[in-house]
Amino acid sequence: MDKDDLPRERLVRLGADALSNAELVAILLSTGDREENVLEKSRSLLKDRGLVGLLRSDVRELQQVSGLGVAKVTRIKAAVELAARGLADDEWPARQPFRSAEQVFERYRGLLGDLVHEEVWVLVLDQQHCLIREERLYKGMVHGASVRVAELLRPVIVHQGPAMIVVHNHPSGSPEPSRADREMTTDLSTASSTMGIELLDHVIVTRSDHASMARLGLMGSEAPSAREAGEAGEARTDRYLA
């Protein structure tokens, strides 16, 4: 292959968007092996797993592929994680307040929507419902994460947030709340109220959909409806609308 046609050189000359999926993966792999050059290896990986499958594969799965050592696997996973974090940051200006479950979904779908395991995140919010801090507290197996209410409240207390939102994903693709989801939300709503912390919502996200526990009326006290907020006028524009 002519040097100018190599993936790295093509990226420098034409930009990343001009490269195929195989060429982009080849840059991450850097080298091939005795049986396949780097582009052939990239095409084989994509043919075997598909792009989404490759991105979803965990470290142990990728290490089972011939020719993929720790260095190559960790480069792939690091690139995927950076892309997900960048997508979340780009979609949400730091000081924009959360006003609805749809906004929560748009921020976290890129970070959580394609995972094959469950993760539970707590969003610590200020009085205007802007983000103070976000923390991943649980990373569980596909069958779910065992969540303790005290652990969910801990970052909110430590960072002195007056409000919070819980976000977690369903790898199954269905945002329908499970019995465990409902029970945890009820317990957290009671505990947060006792601590003087406003639990705005518990949002379940998938790649293409979401469910709001507040909207479904599955919290201790429901968030106000859009109609109620509209009737109250400008004085209630700071409210979270489930």
C-alpha atoms as a PDB file:
ATOM      1  CA  MET A   1       0.000   0.000   0.000  1.00  0.00           C
ATOM      2  CA  ASP A   2       1.244   3.473  -0.862  1.00  0.00           C
ATOM      3  CA  LYS A   3       2.245   5.381   2.262  1.00  0.00           C
ATOM      4  CA  ASP A   4      -0.250   8.153   1.482  1.00  0.00           C
ATOM      5  CA  ASP A   5      -3.053   5.569   1.542  1.00  0.00           C
ATOM      6  CA  LEU A   6      -2.290   4.374   5.060  1.00  0.00           C
ATOM      7  CA  PRO A   7      -5.042   5.226   7.579  1.00  0.00           C
ATOM      8  CA  ARG A   8      -2.944   7.535   9.741  1.00  0.00           C
ATOM      9  CA  GLU A   9      -1.674   9.529   6.772  1.00  0.00           C
ATOM     10  CA  ARG A  10      -5.181   9.722   5.276  1.00  0.00           C
ATOM     11  CA  LEU A  11      -6.550  11.069   8.558  1.00  0.00           C
ATOM     12  CA  VAL A  12      -3.896  13.800   8.671  1.00  0.00           C
ATOM     13  CA  ARG A  13      -4.511  14.718   5.049  1.00  0.00           C
ATOM     14  CA  LEU A  14      -8.303  14.375   4.792  1.00  0.00           C
ATOM     15  CA  GLY A  15      -9.658  14.437   8.361  1.00  0.00           C
ATOM     16  CA  ALA A  16     -11.145  11.647  10.483  1.00  0.00           C
ATOM     17  CA  ASP A  17     -14.585  11.856   8.863  1.00  0.00           C
ATOM     18  CA  ALA A  18     -13.107  10.742   5.514  1.00  0.00           C
ATOM     19  CA  LEU A  19     -11.964   7.383   6.914  1.00  0.00           C
ATOM     20  CA  SER A  20     -13.925   4.152   6.941  1.00  0.00           C
ATOM     21  CA  ASN A  21     -14.739   2.334  10.178  1.00  0.00           C
ATOM     22  CA  ALA A  22     -12.021  -0.195   9.413  1.00  0.00           C
ATOM     23  CA  GLU A  23      -9.423   2.542   8.915  1.00  0.00           C
ATOM     24  CA  LEU A  24     -10.357   4.234  12.199  1.00  0.00           C
ATOM     25  CA  VAL A  25     -10.116   0.941  14.080  1.00  0.00           C
ATOM     26  CA  ALA A  26      -6.786   0.241  12.339  1.00  0.00           C
ATOM     27  CA  ILE A  27      -5.374   3.465  13.799  1.00  0.00           C
ATOM     28  CA  LEU A  28      -6.338   2.304  17.280  1.00  0.00           C
ATOM     29  CA  LEU A  29      -4.811  -1.137  16.718  1.00  0.00           C
ATOM     30  CA  SER A  30      -1.641   0.397  15.239  1.00  0.00           C
ATOM     31  CA  THR A  31      -0.246  -2.975  14.030  1.00  0.00           C
ATOM     32  CA  GLY A  32      -1.506  -6.275  12.707  1.00  0.00           C
ATOM     33  CA  ASP A  33      -0.149  -9.749  13.356  1.00  0.00           C
ATOM     34  CA  ARG A  34       1.539 -12.572  11.440  1.00  0.00           C
ATOM     35  CA  GLU A  35      -1.683 -13.598   9.736  1.00  0.00           C
ATOM     36  CA  GLU A  36      -3.218 -10.211   8.893  1.00  0.00           C
ATOM     37  CA  ASN A  37      -1.983  -6.672   8.419  1.00  0.00           C
ATOM     38  CA  VAL A  38      -3.633  -3.980  10.527  1.00  0.00           C
ATOM     39  CA  LEU A  39      -6.351  -3.128   7.985  1.00  0.00           C
ATOM     40  CA  GLU A  40      -7.207  -6.774   7.435  1.00  0.00           C
ATOM     41  CA  LYS A  41      -7.383  -7.299  11.190  1.00  0.00           C
ATOM     42  CA  SER A  42      -9.710  -4.293  11.529  1.00  0.00           C
ATOM     43  CA  ARG A  43     -12.011  -5.556   8.787  1.00  0.00           C
ATOM     44  CA  SER A  44     -12.095  -9.012  10.375  1.00  0.00           C
ATOM     45  CA  LEU A  45     -13.040  -7.525  13.746  1.00  0.00           C
ATOM     46  CA  LEU A  46     -15.854  -5.475  12.245  1.00  0.00           C
ATOM     47  CA  LYS A  47     -17.124  -8.382  10.169  1.00  0.00           C
ATOM     48  CA  ASP A  48     -17.145 -10.657  13.203  1.00  0.00           C
ATOM     49  CA  ARG A  49     -18.663  -8.266  15.768  1.00  0.00           C
ATOM     50  CA  GLY A  50     -20.021  -5.252  13.914  1.00  0.00           C
ATOM     51  CA  LEU A  51     -19.166  -1.720  14.992  1.00  0.00           C
ATOM     52  CA  VAL A  52     -21.666  -1.588  17.877  1.00  0.00           C
ATOM     53  CA  GLY A  53     -20.676  -5.078  19.021  1.00  0.00           C
ATOM     54  CA  LEU A  54     -17.017  -4.095  19.011  1.00  0.00           C
ATOM     55  CA  LEU A  55     -17.729  -0.972  21.065  1.00  0.00           C
ATOM     56  CA  ARG A  56     -19.862  -2.923  23.553  1.00  0.00           C
ATOM     57  CA  SER A  57     -17.383  -5.760  24.052  1.00  0.00           C
ATOM     58  CA  ASP A  58     -15.643  -5.701  27.401  1.00  0.00           C
ATOM     59  CA  VAL A  59     -11.906  -6.090  27.932  1.00  0.00           C
ATOM     60  CA  ARG A  60     -11.989  -9.828  28.566  1.00  0.00           C
ATOM     61  CA  GLU A  61     -14.028 -10.512  25.444  1.00  0.00           C
ATOM     62  CA  LEU A  62     -11.648  -8.518  23.257  1.00  0.00           C
ATOM     63  CA  GLN A  63      -8.609 -10.213  24.739  1.00  0.00           C
ATOM     64  CA  GLN A  64      -9.958 -13.532  23.453  1.00  0.00           C
ATOM     65  CA  VAL A  65      -9.483 -12.288  19.877  1.00  0.00           C
ATOM     66  CA  SER A  66      -6.236 -13.495  18.342  1.00  0.00           C
ATOM     67  CA  GLY A  67      -3.762 -10.671  17.921  1.00  0.00           C
ATOM     68  CA  LEU A  68      -5.382  -8.322  20.434  1.00  0.00           C
ATOM     69  CA  GLY A  69      -3.177  -7.798  23.446  1.00  0.00           C
ATOM     70  CA  VAL A  70      -3.673  -5.564  26.456  1.00  0.00           C
ATOM     71  CA  ALA A  71      -2.303  -2.459  24.718  1.00  0.00           C
ATOM     72  CA  LYS A  72      -4.673  -2.694  21.741  1.00  0.00           C
ATOM     73  CA  VAL A  73      -7.709  -3.587  23.812  1.00  0.00           C
ATOM     74  CA  THR A  74      -7.177  -0.759  26.279  1.00  0.00           C
ATOM     75  CA  ARG A  75      -6.736   1.758  23.439  1.00  0.00           C
ATOM     76  CA  ILE A  76     -10.095   0.694  21.984  1.00  0.00           C
ATOM     77  CA  LYS A  77     -11.888   0.902  25.331  1.00  0.00           C
ATOM     78  CA  ALA A  78     -10.284   4.251  26.190  1.00  0.00           C
ATOM     79  CA  ALA A  79     -11.384   5.703  22.839  1.00  0.00           C
ATOM     80  CA  VAL A  80     -14.956   4.470  23.377  1.00  0.00           C
ATOM     81  CA  GLU A  81     -15.122   5.945  26.880  1.00  0.00           C
ATOM     82  CA  LEU A  82     -13.734   9.308  25.768  1.00  0.00           C
ATOM     83  CA  ALA A  83     -16.257   9.471  22.918  1.00  0.00           C
ATOM     84  CA  ALA A  84     -19.148   8.717  25.290  1.00  0.00           C
ATOM     85  CA  ARG A  85     -18.009  11.334  27.800  1.00  0.00           C
ATOM     86  CA  GLY A  86     -17.447  13.895  25.078  1.00  0.00           C
ATOM     87  CA  LEU A  87     -20.904  13.275  23.663  1.00  0.00           C
ATOM     88  CA  ALA A  88     -22.476  13.798  27.073  1.00  0.00           C
ATOM     89  CA  ASP A  89     -20.517  17.006  27.671  1.00  0.00           C
ATOM     90  CA  ASP A  90     -21.330  18.428  24.235  1.00  0.00           C
ATOM     91  CA  GLU A  91     -25.031  17.806  24.667  1.00  0.00           C
ATOM     92  CA  TRP A  92     -25.314  19.632  27.956  1.00  0.00           C
ATOM     93  CA  PRO A  93     -23.901  23.088  28.761  1.00  0.00           C
ATOM     94  CA  ALA A  94     -22.469  22.964  32.276  1.00  0.00           C
ATOM     95  CA  ARG A  95     -24.771  25.595  33.778  1.00  0.00           C
ATOM     96  CA  GLN A  96     -28.009  24.681  32.034  1.00  0.00           C
ATOM     97  CA  PRO A  97     -30.547  23.513  34.637  1.00  0.00           C
ATOM     98  CA  PHE A  98     -32.389  20.229  34.360  1.00  0.00           C
ATOM     99  CA  ARG A  99     -36.051  20.925  33.671  1.00  0.00           C
ATOM    100  CA  SER A 100     -37.376  17.568  32.467  1.00  0.00           C
ATOM    101  CA  ALA A 101     -36.736  13.845  32.121  1.00  0.00           C
ATOM    102  CA  GLU A 102     -36.153  14.398  28.394  1.00  0.00           C
ATOM    103  CA  GLN A 103     -33.160  16.599  29.185  1.00  0.00           C
ATOM    104  CA  VAL A 104     -31.731  13.950  31.488  1.00  0.00           C
ATOM    105  CA  PHE A 105     -32.211  11.348  28.742  1.00  0.00           C
ATOM    106  CA  GLU A 106     -30.496  13.472  26.097  1.00  0.00           C
ATOM    107  CA  ARG A 107     -27.460  13.983  28.306  1.00  0.00           C
ATOM    108  CA  TYR A 108     -27.003  10.393  29.471  1.00  0.00           C
ATOM    109  CA  ARG A 109     -28.186   8.266  26.548  1.00  0.00           C
ATOM    110  CA  GLY A 110     -24.728   8.460  24.946  1.00  0.00           C
ATOM    111  CA  LEU A 111     -23.000   7.523  28.183  1.00  0.00           C
ATOM    112  CA  LEU A 112     -25.294   4.689  29.312  1.00  0.00           C
ATOM    113  CA  GLY A 113     -27.547   3.669  26.439  1.00  0.00           C
ATOM    114  CA  ASP A 114     -25.265   1.087  24.814  1.00  0.00           C
ATOM    115  CA  LEU A 115     -23.877  -0.578  27.942  1.00  0.00           C
ATOM    116  CA  VAL A 116     -24.417  -4.304  28.478  1.00  0.00           C
ATOM    117  CA  HIS A 117     -24.402  -3.915  32.275  1.00  0.00           C
ATOM    118  CA  GLU A 118     -26.393  -1.660  34.587  1.00  0.00           C
ATOM    119  CA  GLU A 119     -24.935   1.530  36.018  1.00  0.00           C
ATOM    120  CA  VAL A 120     -26.512   3.819  38.593  1.00  0.00           C
ATOM    121  CA  TRP A 121     -25.550   7.520  38.601  1.00  0.00           C
ATOM    122  CA  VAL A 122     -26.451  10.274  41.032  1.00  0.00           C
ATOM    123  CA  LEU A 123     -26.684  13.883  39.842  1.00  0.00           C
ATOM    124  CA  VAL A 124     -26.067  16.409  42.602  1.00  0.00           C
ATOM    125  CA  LEU A 125     -27.909  19.650  41.797  1.00  0.00           C
ATOM    126  CA  ASP A 126     -27.934  23.177  43.149  1.00  0.00           C
ATOM    127  CA  GLN A 127     -30.986  25.280  44.021  1.00  0.00           C
ATOM    128  CA  GLN A 128     -31.566  26.108  40.331  1.00  0.00           C
ATOM    129  CA  HIS A 129     -31.201  22.414  39.416  1.00  0.00           C
ATOM    130  CA  CYS A 130     -27.864  22.945  37.683  1.00  0.00           C
ATOM    131  CA  LEU A 131     -25.306  20.159  37.927  1.00  0.00           C
ATOM    132  CA  ILE A 132     -22.824  20.389  40.814  1.00  0.00           C
ATOM    133  CA  ARG A 133     -21.433  16.885  40.404  1.00  0.00           C
ATOM    134  CA  GLU A 134     -22.261  13.542  38.813  1.00  0.00           C
ATOM    135  CA  GLU A 135     -21.108  10.241  40.298  1.00  0.00           C
ATOM    136  CA  ARG A 136     -21.348   6.649  39.112  1.00  0.00           C
ATOM    137  CA  LEU A 137     -22.085   4.717  42.283  1.00  0.00           C
ATOM    138  CA  TYR A 138     -22.903   1.247  40.960  1.00  0.00           C
ATOM    139  CA  LYS A 139     -21.695  -0.814  38.045  1.00  0.00           C
ATOM    140  CA  GLY A 140     -23.558  -4.102  38.048  1.00  0.00           C
ATOM    141  CA  MET A 141     -24.015  -7.237  36.030  1.00  0.00           C
ATOM    142  CA  VAL A 142     -26.693  -7.471  33.363  1.00  0.00           C
ATOM    143  CA  HIS A 143     -29.075  -8.780  36.044  1.00  0.00           C
ATOM    144  CA  GLY A 144     -28.918  -5.530  37.996  1.00  0.00           C
ATOM    145  CA  ALA A 145     -27.028  -3.683  40.673  1.00  0.00           C
ATOM    146  CA  SER A 146     -27.779  -3.944  44.376  1.00  0.00           C
ATOM    147  CA  VAL A 147     -28.345  -0.337  45.421  1.00  0.00           C
ATOM    148  CA  ARG A 148     -28.228   1.053  48.951  1.00  0.00           C
ATOM    149  CA  VAL A 149     -30.158   4.270  49.613  1.00  0.00           C
ATOM    150  CA  ALA A 150     -27.446   5.564  51.962  1.00  0.00           C
ATOM    151  CA  GLU A 151     -24.876   5.307  49.155  1.00  0.00           C
ATOM    152  CA  LEU A 152     -27.115   7.270  46.781  1.00  0.00           C
ATOM    153  CA  LEU A 153     -27.476  10.076  49.306  1.00  0.00           C
ATOM    154  CA  ARG A 154     -23.796  10.211  50.252  1.00  0.00           C
ATOM    155  CA  PRO A 155     -22.504  12.412  47.356  1.00  0.00           C
ATOM    156  CA  VAL A 156     -25.462  14.768  47.729  1.00  0.00           C
ATOM    157  CA  ILE A 157     -24.690  15.260  51.413  1.00  0.00           C
ATOM    158  CA  VAL A 158     -20.926  15.551  50.879  1.00  0.00           C
ATOM    159  CA  HIS A 159     -21.331  18.210  48.161  1.00  0.00           C
ATOM    160  CA  GLN A 160     -24.201  19.938  49.949  1.00  0.00           C
ATOM    161  CA  GLY A 161     -26.670  19.669  47.109  1.00  0.00           C
ATOM    162  CA  PRO A 162     -30.272  20.657  47.863  1.00  0.00           C
ATOM    163  CA  ALA A 163     -31.604  18.490  45.027  1.00  0.00           C
ATOM    164  CA  MET A 164     -30.771  15.290  43.178  1.00  0.00           C
ATOM    165  CA  ILE A 165     -31.716  13.049  40.245  1.00  0.00           C
ATOM    166  CA  VAL A 166     -30.934   9.350  39.930  1.00  0.00           C
ATOM    167  CA  VAL A 167     -30.196   7.913  36.474  1.00  0.00           C
ATOM    168  CA  HIS A 168     -29.651   4.307  35.527  1.00  0.00           C
ATOM    169  CA  ASN A 169     -29.801   2.217  32.379  1.00  0.00           C
ATOM    170  CA  HIS A 170     -31.603  -0.944  31.308  1.00  0.00           C
ATOM    171  CA  PRO A 171     -29.413  -3.053  28.990  1.00  0.00           C
ATOM    172  CA  SER A 172     -32.539  -4.961  27.911  1.00  0.00           C
ATOM    173  CA  GLY A 173     -33.616  -1.958  25.853  1.00  0.00           C
ATOM    174  CA  SER A 174     -36.908  -1.535  27.714  1.00  0.00           C
ATOM    175  CA  PRO A 175     -37.188   1.419  30.128  1.00  0.00           C
ATOM    176  CA  GLU A 176     -40.096  -0.191  32.007  1.00  0.00           C
ATOM    177  CA  PRO A 177     -39.346   0.124  35.753  1.00  0.00           C
ATOM    178  CA  SER A 178     -38.796  -3.158  37.554  1.00  0.00           C
ATOM    179  CA  ARG A 179     -40.145  -3.941  41.005  1.00  0.00           C
ATOM    180  CA  ALA A 180     -36.664  -3.297  42.428  1.00  0.00           C
ATOM    181  CA  ASP A 181     -36.557   0.086  40.650  1.00  0.00           C
ATOM    182  CA  ARG A 182     -39.889   1.068  42.179  1.00  0.00           C
ATOM    183  CA  GLU A 183     -38.956  -0.034  45.671  1.00  0.00           C
ATOM    184  CA  MET A 184     -35.597   1.722  45.577  1.00  0.00           C
ATOM    185  CA  THR A 185     -37.239   4.952  44.356  1.00  0.00           C
ATOM    186  CA  THR A 186     -39.843   4.870  47.119  1.00  0.00           C
ATOM    187  CA  ASP A 187     -37.199   4.253  49.793  1.00  0.00           C
ATOM    188  CA  LEU A 188     -34.945   6.984  48.404  1.00  0.00           C
ATOM    189  CA  SER A 189     -37.820   9.458  48.207  1.00  0.00           C
ATOM    190  CA  THR A 190     -38.633   8.892  51.878  1.00  0.00           C
ATOM    191  CA  ALA A 191     -34.994   9.078  53.000  1.00  0.00           C
ATOM    192  CA  SER A 192     -34.148  12.178  50.931  1.00  0.00           C
ATOM    193  CA  SER A 193     -37.235  13.991  52.237  1.00  0.00           C
ATOM    194  CA  THR A 194     -36.113  13.265  55.792  1.00  0.00           C
ATOM    195  CA  MET A 195     -32.692  14.752  54.958  1.00  0.00           C
ATOM    196  CA  GLY A 196     -34.209  17.861  53.397  1.00  0.00           C
ATOM    197  CA  ILE A 197     -33.007  16.860  49.915  1.00  0.00           C
ATOM    198  CA  GLU A 198     -35.378  17.181  46.946  1.00  0.00           C
ATOM    199  CA  LEU A 199     -35.455  14.033  44.820  1.00  0.00           C
ATOM    200  CA  LEU A 200     -36.579  15.406  41.453  1.00  0.00           C
ATOM    201  CA  ASP A 201     -36.690  12.162  39.496  1.00  0.00           C
ATOM    202  CA  HIS A 202     -35.342   8.707  38.858  1.00  0.00           C
ATOM    203  CA  VAL A 203     -34.834   8.361  35.107  1.00  0.00           C
ATOM    204  CA  ILE A 204     -34.272   5.003  33.409  1.00  0.00           C
ATOM    205  CA  VAL A 205     -32.525   5.280  30.042  1.00  0.00           C
ATOM    206  CA  THR A 206     -31.939   2.968  27.103  1.00  0.00           C
ATOM    207  CA  ARG A 207     -30.366   3.708  23.760  1.00  0.00           C
ATOM    208  CA  SER A 208     -33.606   5.054  22.286  1.00  0.00           C
ATOM    209  CA  ASP A 209     -36.097   5.573  25.106  1.00  0.00           C
ATOM    210  CA  HIS A 210     -36.514   6.506  28.749  1.00  0.00           C
ATOM    211  CA  ALA A 211     -38.940   6.371  31.670  1.00  0.00           C
ATOM    212  CA  SER A 212     -39.479   8.977  34.390  1.00  0.00           C
ATOM    213  CA  MET A 213     -40.499   7.654  37.791  1.00  0.00           C
ATOM    214  CA  ALA A 214     -41.830  11.107  38.682  1.00  0.00           C
ATOM    215  CA  ARG A 215     -44.016  11.185  35.567  1.00  0.00           C
ATOM    216  CA  LEU A 216     -45.274   7.690  36.300  1.00  0.00           C
ATOM    217  CA  GLY A 217     -46.241   8.760  39.813  1.00  0.00           C
ATOM    218  CA  LEU A 218     -43.925   6.223  41.453  1.00  0.00           C
ATOM    219  CA  MET A 219     -42.228   8.599  43.878  1.00  0.00           C
ATOM    220  CA  GLY A 220     -43.255   9.749  47.323  1.00  0.00           C
ATOM    221  CA  SER A 221     -44.517  13.066  45.949  1.00  0.00           C
ATOM    222  CA  GLU A 222     -45.108  13.635  42.260  1.00  0.00           C
ATOM    223  CA  ALA A 223     -43.406  16.460  40.436  1.00  0.00           C
ATOM    224  CA  PRO A 224     -45.841  19.148  39.200  1.00  0.00           C
ATOM    225  CA  SER A 225     -47.402  18.598  35.801  1.00  0.00           C
ATOM    226  CA  ALA A 226     -46.679  20.895  32.883  1.00  0.00           C
ATOM    227  CA  ARG A 227     -50.269  22.174  33.076  1.00  0.00           C
ATOM    228  CA  GLU A 228     -49.913  23.053  36.756  1.00  0.00           C
ATOM    229  CA  ALA A 229     -46.636  24.848  36.118  1.00  0.00           C
ATOM    230  CA  GLY A 230     -48.166  26.791  33.235  1.00  0.00           C
ATOM    231  CA  GLU A 231     -51.040  27.949  35.409  1.00  0.00           C
ATOM    232  CA  ALA A 232     -48.614  29.198  38.047  1.00  0.00           C
ATOM    233  CA  GLY A 233     -46.842  31.460  35.550  1.00  0.00           C
ATOM    234  CA  GLU A 234     -43.289  32.787  35.632  1.00  0.00           C
ATOM    235  CA  ALA A 235     -42.911  32.197  39.351  1.00  0.00           C
ATOM    236  CA  ARG A 236     -42.563  28.459  38.713  1.00  0.00           C
ATOM    237  CA  THR A 237     -40.135  28.458  35.807  1.00  0.00           C
ATOM    238  CA  ASP A 238     -37.451  27.022  38.093  1.00  0.00           C
ATOM    239  CA  ARG A 239     -39.445  23.830  38.688  1.00  0.00           C
ATOM    240  CA  TYR A 240     -38.574  20.400  37.307  1.00  0.00           C
ATOM    241  CA  LEU A 241     -41.445  19.221  35.116  1.00  0.00           C
ATOM    242  CA  ALA A 242     -41.776  15.460  35.092  1.00  0.00           C
END
